[in-house]
């Protein structure tokens, strides 16, 4: 009974790390109010309060993945990430009159998110039995999406009173911080034998070409999916299909799709096994096609939900592939994977601008381009997976 209670507390402490991933979304409902507060600053510059997070997270994710458990303990990195998010999130309440100071705080928050992102999945791989990893990767992914909805719902209400109070929402991070401080064990202690074996044959950690492609492929996939989420409001309003409120409802459905994907990931992953990623890629392309080419709000919403489900299936499925790698290599792969995802998210806005610069500013065109690109990336990814499986079969015969 005591051992079971201990394992539950460890799982809760791992979930606490996943709650940081959506923390940048706290200010999303308040961006318009922030633009009014900083009325003397161009709107594109104000948007840096949101987009700079990904820019700061990119190098930190890779670096954290490279040093975690080797030069710096998992616990120390996790606590540092929590403190960066807490301080970077809540300090703007007191320095809001200085845009530069607020931007520095947002960069600090981005550093925390970058550090925490590869650690969350790595902790599952290092602390939980392999047979339970798929289930908890999915559940923690669902928890991450629930937190995104919670953060935005709370801040959306609070910013209607005073936009300055939005920053206080980051006080929520005190609860995950307490869980980590009290209950998160150091994975290296759990894997002392493995660590000793690795030290006996020291070598530079390098990622295979297949692992590198998985990281880059998902980053490109994230880049090609982002225009749908960024432009859905413009598509609905310009084409007379709905309002900003309709867009909010559809985007909430995207998050709900992500939650549903997380909760059923373990069962579907075990059912499809090697076919899981190919099936998810096909569904991802179909979902984007529905959203890109339909002139109907219901079909647009359905496509967005499918995309929400599949992107949150592919994400943990890739992480599960890393669980078969040696400890140091798996954590490094997780770090690179998250860095590629943040880079894809950051490059989405320039990509949309570049497409508009070609002479057609239709908000639907970047979504169509994303759909075509996703089809190409999916085909290439499935070819590489097929080649990998063929190599494995020939090696066993």
Foldseek 3Di string as FASTA:
>chain_A
DVVVVLVVLQLLLLLLLLQLLLLLLLCVLVLVVLCVVPVVDDSVVSCLLRLVLLVLLQVLLLVLLQPDPNPDFLLVLLLQLLVLLLCLLQVCLPVVVDPVVNSVSSSSNSSSSSNSQLSSLLLLLLPPDLLCSQLSLLQSQLSNLVSNVVSHVVSNVVVVVPNSCSSVSSVVSVVSSVSSVPRHDTSCVVVVVLVVVCVVDDDDQDDDPLLLCLLLLLLLLLLLQVLCLVLVQVQCVVLVQDHVVLSVVLVNLLSVLSNVLSNCLSVVCVVCPLCQLLVLLVLLLVLLCQLLPDPHSVSVSVSSSSNSNSSSNSVVVSLSVLSVPRSSNSSSSSSSSSSSNSVSNSCNVVVLVVVVVVPPNNSSVSSVVSSVVSVVSSVVSVVVSVVVVVVVVVVVD
